[in-house]
Structure formats: C-alpha cells, structure tokens
PDB file of N, CA and C in Angstrom:
ATOM      1  N   UNK A   1       0.886  -1.192   0.161  1.00  0.00           N
ATOM      2  CA  UNK A   1       0.186  -0.001  -0.291  1.00  0.00           C
ATOM      3  C   UNK A   1       1.010   0.701  -0.343  1.00  0.00           C
ATOM      4  N   UNK A   2       0.528   2.145  -0.830  1.00  0.00           N
ATOM      5  CA  UNK A   2       0.737   3.468  -1.081  1.00  0.00           C
ATOM      6  C   UNK A   2       0.817   4.828   0.271  1.00  0.00           C
ATOM      7  N   UNK A   3       1.365   5.049   0.720  1.00  0.00           N
ATOM      8  CA  UNK A   3       0.086   5.721   2.180  1.00  0.00           C
ATOM      9  C   UNK A   3       1.445   7.073   1.731  1.00  0.00           C
ATOM     10  N   UNK A   4       0.988   8.248   1.430  1.00  0.00           N
ATOM     11  CA  UNK A   4       2.005  10.052   1.057  1.00  0.00           C
ATOM     12  C   UNK A   4       3.081   9.835   0.845  1.00  0.00           C
ATOM     13  N   UNK A   5       3.157   9.069  -0.945  1.00  0.00           N
ATOM     14  CA  UNK A   5       4.700   8.673  -1.356  1.00  0.00           C
ATOM     15  C   UNK A   5       5.406   8.030  -1.045  1.00  0.00           C
ATOM     16  N   UNK A   6       4.991   7.412   0.245  1.00  0.00           N
ATOM     17  CA  UNK A   6       5.950   6.063   0.880  1.00  0.00           C
ATOM     18  C   UNK A   6       4.841   4.931   0.697  1.00  0.00           C
ATOM     19  N   UNK A   7       6.029   3.792   0.496  1.00  0.00           N
ATOM     20  CA  UNK A   7       5.328   2.699   0.521  1.00  0.00           C
ATOM     21  C   UNK A   7       5.169   1.563   2.129  1.00  0.00           C
ATOM     22  N   UNK A   8       4.430   1.082   2.653  1.00  0.00           N
ATOM     23  CA  UNK A   8       4.148   0.876   4.011  1.00  0.00           C
ATOM     24  C   UNK A   8       5.399  -0.358   3.964  1.00  0.00           C
ATOM     25  N   UNK A   9       5.878  -0.920   2.870  1.00  0.00           N
ATOM     26  CA  UNK A   9       6.866  -1.881   3.027  1.00  0.00           C
ATOM     27  C   UNK A   9       8.423  -2.648   2.175  1.00  0.00           C
ATOM     28  N   UNK A  10       9.150  -2.603   2.346  1.00  0.00           N
ATOM     29  CA  UNK A  10       9.944  -2.556   1.335  1.00  0.00           C
ATOM     30  C   UNK A  10       9.758  -3.254   0.210  1.00  0.00           C
ATOM     31  N   UNK A  11       8.892  -4.554   0.471  1.00  0.00           N
ATOM     32  CA  UNK A  11       8.740  -5.691  -0.736  1.00  0.00           C
ATOM     33  C   UNK A  11       7.687  -5.104  -1.670  1.00  0.00           C
ATOM     34  N   UNK A  12       6.468  -4.035  -1.051  1.00  0.00           N
ATOM     35  CA  UNK A  12       6.063  -3.245  -1.906  1.00  0.00           C
ATOM     36  C   UNK A  12       6.253  -2.582  -2.581  1.00  0.00           C
ATOM     37  N   UNK A  13       7.509  -1.780  -2.358  1.00  0.00           N
ATOM     38  CA  UNK A  13       7.948  -1.052  -3.293  1.00  0.00           C
ATOM     39  C   UNK A  13       8.760  -1.825  -4.255  1.00  0.00           C
ATOM     40  N   UNK A  14       9.806  -2.902  -3.856  1.00  0.00           N
ATOM     41  CA  UNK A  14      10.364  -3.725  -4.845  1.00  0.00           C
ATOM     42  C   UNK A  14       9.181  -4.282  -5.931  1.00  0.00           C
ATOM     43  N   UNK A  15       7.859  -5.019  -5.485  1.00  0.00           N
ATOM     44  CA  UNK A  15       6.644  -4.760  -6.308  1.00  0.00           C
ATOM     45  C   UNK A  15       6.849  -4.400  -7.250  1.00  0.00           C
ATOM     46  N   UNK A  16       6.525  -3.076  -7.181  1.00  0.00           N
ATOM     47  CA  UNK A  16       6.167  -1.547  -7.704  1.00  0.00           C
ATOM     48  C   UNK A  16       7.411  -1.331  -8.711  1.00  0.00           C
ATOM     49  N   UNK A  17       8.647  -1.414  -8.183  1.00  0.00           N
ATOM     50  CA  UNK A  17       9.736  -1.374  -9.027  1.00  0.00           C
ATOM     51  C   UNK A  17       9.950  -2.269 -10.120  1.00  0.00           C
ATOM     52  N   UNK A  18       9.686  -3.585  -9.533  1.00  0.00           N
ATOM     53  CA  UNK A  18       9.837  -4.423 -11.205  1.00  0.00           C
ATOM     54  C   UNK A  18       8.939  -4.263 -12.274  1.00  0.00           C
ATOM     55  N   UNK A  19       7.403  -4.230 -11.545  1.00  0.00           N
ATOM     56  CA  UNK A  19       6.481  -3.893 -12.515  1.00  0.00           C
ATOM     57  C   UNK A  19       6.804  -2.843 -13.357  1.00  0.00           C
ATOM     58  N   UNK A  20       7.344  -1.616 -12.664  1.00  0.00           N
ATOM     59  CA  UNK A  20       7.244  -0.312 -13.564  1.00  0.00           C
ATOM     60  C   UNK A  20       8.526  -0.457 -14.753  1.00  0.00           C
ATOM     61  N   UNK A  21       9.358  -1.298 -14.002  1.00  0.00           N
ATOM     62  CA  UNK A  21      10.719  -1.747 -14.768  1.00  0.00           C
ATOM     63  C   UNK A  21      10.508  -2.507 -16.227  1.00  0.00           C
ATOM     64  N   UNK A  22       9.276  -3.910 -15.913  1.00  0.00           N
ATOM     65  CA  UNK A  22       8.787  -4.417 -16.786  1.00  0.00           C
ATOM     66  C   UNK A  22       8.356  -3.190 -18.164  1.00  0.00           C
ATOM     67  N   UNK A  23       7.242  -2.361 -17.656  1.00  0.00           N
ATOM     68  CA  UNK A  23       6.642  -1.987 -18.447  1.00  0.00           C
ATOM     69  C   UNK A  23       7.349  -0.612 -18.993  1.00  0.00           C
ATOM     70  N   UNK A  24       7.970  -0.467 -18.199  1.00  0.00           N
ATOM     71  CA  UNK A  24       9.113   0.158 -19.475  1.00  0.00           C
ATOM     72  C   UNK A  24      10.117   0.029 -20.338  1.00  0.00           C
ATOM     73  N   UNK A  25      10.383  -1.704 -19.650  1.00  0.00           N
ATOM     74  CA  UNK A  25      11.082  -2.255 -20.942  1.00  0.00           C
ATOM     75  C   UNK A  25       9.610  -2.219 -21.784  1.00  0.00           C
ATOM     76  N   UNK A  26       8.869  -2.626 -22.224  1.00  0.00           N
ATOM     77  CA  UNK A  26       7.940  -2.994 -22.993  1.00  0.00           C
ATOM     78  C   UNK A  26       7.278  -2.219 -23.603  1.00  0.00           C
ATOM     79  N   UNK A  27       7.566  -0.851 -23.179  1.00  0.00           N
ATOM     80  CA  UNK A  27       7.546   0.169 -23.859  1.00  0.00           C
ATOM     81  C   UNK A  27       8.200   0.958 -25.132  1.00  0.00           C
ATOM     82  N   UNK A  28       9.368   0.582 -24.478  1.00  0.00           N
ATOM     83  CA  UNK A  28      10.840   0.706 -25.685  1.00  0.00           C
ATOM     84  C   UNK A  28      10.880  -0.357 -26.486  1.00  0.00           C
ATOM     85  N   UNK A  29      10.601  -1.878 -26.363  1.00  0.00           N
ATOM     86  CA  UNK A  29       9.714  -2.596 -27.519  1.00  0.00           C
ATOM     87  C   UNK A  29       8.519  -2.379 -28.051  1.00  0.00           C
ATOM     88  N   UNK A  30       8.159  -1.218 -27.747  1.00  0.00           N
ATOM     89  CA  UNK A  30       6.592  -1.013 -28.816  1.00  0.00           C
ATOM     90  C   UNK A  30       5.538  -1.758 -28.551  1.00  0.00           C
ATOM     91  N   UNK A  31       5.567  -2.356 -27.143  1.00  0.00           N
ATOM     92  CA  UNK A  31       4.069  -2.480 -26.712  1.00  0.00           C
ATOM     93  C   UNK A  31       3.551  -1.611 -26.200  1.00  0.00           C
ATOM     94  N   UNK A  32       2.256  -1.639 -25.812  1.00  0.00           N
ATOM     95  CA  UNK A  32       1.026  -0.376 -25.197  1.00  0.00           C
ATOM     96  C   UNK A  32       1.781  -1.206 -23.577  1.00  0.00           C
ATOM     97  N   UNK A  33       0.922  -0.649 -22.446  1.00  0.00           N
ATOM     98  CA  UNK A  33       0.960  -1.241 -21.038  1.00  0.00           C
ATOM     99  C   UNK A  33       0.007  -1.788 -21.164  1.00  0.00           C
ATOM    100  N   UNK A  34      -0.839  -2.293 -21.367  1.00  0.00           N
ATOM    101  CA  UNK A  34      -2.283  -2.711 -21.309  1.00  0.00           C
ATOM    102  C   UNK A  34      -1.788  -4.140 -21.921  1.00  0.00           C
ATOM    103  N   UNK A  35      -1.244  -4.096 -23.444  1.00  0.00           N
ATOM    104  CA  UNK A  35      -0.909  -5.732 -24.033  1.00  0.00           C
ATOM    105  C   UNK A  35       0.190  -6.104 -23.283  1.00  0.00           C
ATOM    106  N   UNK A  36       1.164  -5.201 -22.722  1.00  0.00           N
ATOM    107  CA  UNK A  36       2.527  -5.992 -21.979  1.00  0.00           C
ATOM    108  C   UNK A  36       1.923  -6.827 -20.859  1.00  0.00           C
ATOM    109  N   UNK A  37       1.212  -6.064 -19.884  1.00  0.00           N
ATOM    110  CA  UNK A  37       0.668  -6.611 -18.909  1.00  0.00           C
ATOM    111  C   UNK A  37      -0.544  -7.696 -19.422  1.00  0.00           C
ATOM    112  N   UNK A  38      -0.672  -7.832 -20.375  1.00  0.00           N
ATOM    113  CA  UNK A  38      -1.495  -8.723 -20.302  1.00  0.00           C
ATOM    114  C   UNK A  38      -0.565 -10.314 -20.916  1.00  0.00           C
ATOM    115  N   UNK A  39       0.284  -9.604 -21.792  1.00  0.00           N
ATOM    116  CA  UNK A  39       1.401 -11.085 -22.406  1.00  0.00           C
ATOM    117  C   UNK A  39       1.566 -11.674 -21.176  1.00  0.00           C
ATOM    118  N   UNK A  40       2.478 -10.966 -20.150  1.00  0.00           N
ATOM    119  CA  UNK A  40       2.867 -11.602 -18.692  1.00  0.00           C
ATOM    120  C   UNK A  40       2.007 -12.045 -18.259  1.00  0.00           C
ATOM    121  N   UNK A  41       0.601 -12.007 -18.170  1.00  0.00           N
ATOM    122  CA  UNK A  41       0.044 -12.648 -17.295  1.00  0.00           C
ATOM    123  C   UNK A  41      -0.331 -13.695 -18.094  1.00  0.00           C
ATOM    124  N   UNK A  42      -0.290 -14.377 -19.520  1.00  0.00           N
ATOM    125  CA  UNK A  42      -0.633 -15.590 -19.901  1.00  0.00           C
ATOM    126  C   UNK A  42       0.951 -15.756 -20.469  1.00  0.00           C
ATOM    127  N   UNK A  43       1.715 -15.643 -20.465  1.00  0.00           N
ATOM    128  CA  UNK A  43       3.148 -16.161 -20.405  1.00  0.00           C
ATOM    129  C   UNK A  43       3.937 -15.767 -21.911  1.00  0.00           C
ATOM    130  N   UNK A  44       3.495 -15.235 -22.399  1.00  0.00           N
ATOM    131  CA  UNK A  44       4.008 -14.849 -23.501  1.00  0.00           C
ATOM    132  C   UNK A  44       5.305 -14.107 -23.411  1.00  0.00           C
ATOM    133  N   UNK A  45       6.129 -13.562 -22.594  1.00  0.00           N
ATOM    134  CA  UNK A  45       7.024 -12.882 -22.574  1.00  0.00           C
ATOM    135  C   UNK A  45       8.463 -13.524 -22.749  1.00  0.00           C
ATOM    136  N   UNK A  46       9.224 -12.766 -23.250  1.00  0.00           N
ATOM    137  CA  UNK A  46      10.375 -13.288 -23.260  1.00  0.00           C
ATOM    138  C   UNK A  46      11.172 -13.733 -21.641  1.00  0.00           C
ATOM    139  N   UNK A  47      11.997 -15.008 -21.369  1.00  0.00           N
ATOM    140  CA  UNK A  47      12.399 -14.884 -20.462  1.00  0.00           C
ATOM    141  C   UNK A  47      13.006 -13.861 -19.255  1.00  0.00           C
ATOM    142  N   UNK A  48      14.078 -13.499 -19.943  1.00  0.00           N
ATOM    143  CA  UNK A  48      14.591 -12.163 -19.271  1.00  0.00           C
ATOM    144  C   UNK A  48      13.637 -10.970 -18.712  1.00  0.00           C
ATOM    145  N   UNK A  49      12.374 -10.511 -19.523  1.00  0.00           N
ATOM    146  CA  UNK A  49      11.465  -9.186 -19.263  1.00  0.00           C
ATOM    147  C   UNK A  49      10.729 -10.058 -18.096  1.00  0.00           C
ATOM    148  N   UNK A  50       9.959 -11.456 -18.141  1.00  0.00           N
ATOM    149  CA  UNK A  50       9.380 -11.546 -16.951  1.00  0.00           C
ATOM    150  C   UNK A  50      10.100 -11.566 -15.536  1.00  0.00           C
ATOM    151  N   UNK A  51      11.592 -11.983 -16.037  1.00  0.00           N
ATOM    152  CA  UNK A  51      12.079 -11.760 -14.546  1.00  0.00           C
ATOM    153  C   UNK A  51      12.622 -10.751 -13.895  1.00  0.00           C
ATOM    154  N   UNK A  52      12.137  -9.452 -14.557  1.00  0.00           N
ATOM    155  CA  UNK A  52      12.285  -8.252 -13.965  1.00  0.00           C
ATOM    156  C   UNK A  52      10.730  -7.883 -13.099  1.00  0.00           C
ATOM    157  N   UNK A  53       9.861  -8.873 -13.365  1.00  0.00           N
ATOM    158  CA  UNK A  53       8.854  -8.403 -12.426  1.00  0.00           C
ATOM    159  C   UNK A  53       8.260  -9.967 -11.268  1.00  0.00           C
ATOM    160  N   UNK A  54       9.196 -11.056 -11.871  1.00  0.00           N
ATOM    161  CA  UNK A  54       8.790 -12.281 -11.014  1.00  0.00           C
ATOM    162  C   UNK A  54      10.319 -12.587 -10.038  1.00  0.00           C
ATOM    163  N   UNK A  55      11.122 -12.058 -10.393  1.00  0.00           N
ATOM    164  CA  UNK A  55      12.402 -12.224  -9.775  1.00  0.00           C
ATOM    165  C   UNK A  55      13.466 -13.202  -9.674  1.00  0.00           C
ATOM    166  N   UNK A  56      13.213 -13.917 -10.910  1.00  0.00           N
ATOM    167  CA  UNK A  56      13.384 -15.474 -10.800  1.00  0.00           C
ATOM    168  C   UNK A  56      14.448 -15.270 -11.424  1.00  0.00           C
TER     169      UNK A  56
END
C-alpha cells in the first residue's frame, strides 16, 4: 500500500519497481502497457523480461 508518497513495506516498493521496470522495457520495445501486462499474465513474454517482475 502506498501512503503519502511512501510504501508501507520494502517488499511492496520492490514489487512496484519491478512492474515499473517491466512496463518501461515493454514500452521501449513498442508494446502498450495493457498489451504488455496481458502478455505477462498469459506467459508470452521473453524469459528475461518476466524475470524483471517475478524475480526468478
């Protein structure tokens, strides 16, 4: 949960930054944010890109 510009926990902040990095990478590769998230949750992304979000 984000509270007044801060995240409630470090883990929440880390998750936010992983998703932000994923969307930034996808945008640079020509995908819209919606299309990128759709591809992420259907497993259609390159392994290195999904590692940004899931941290594998």
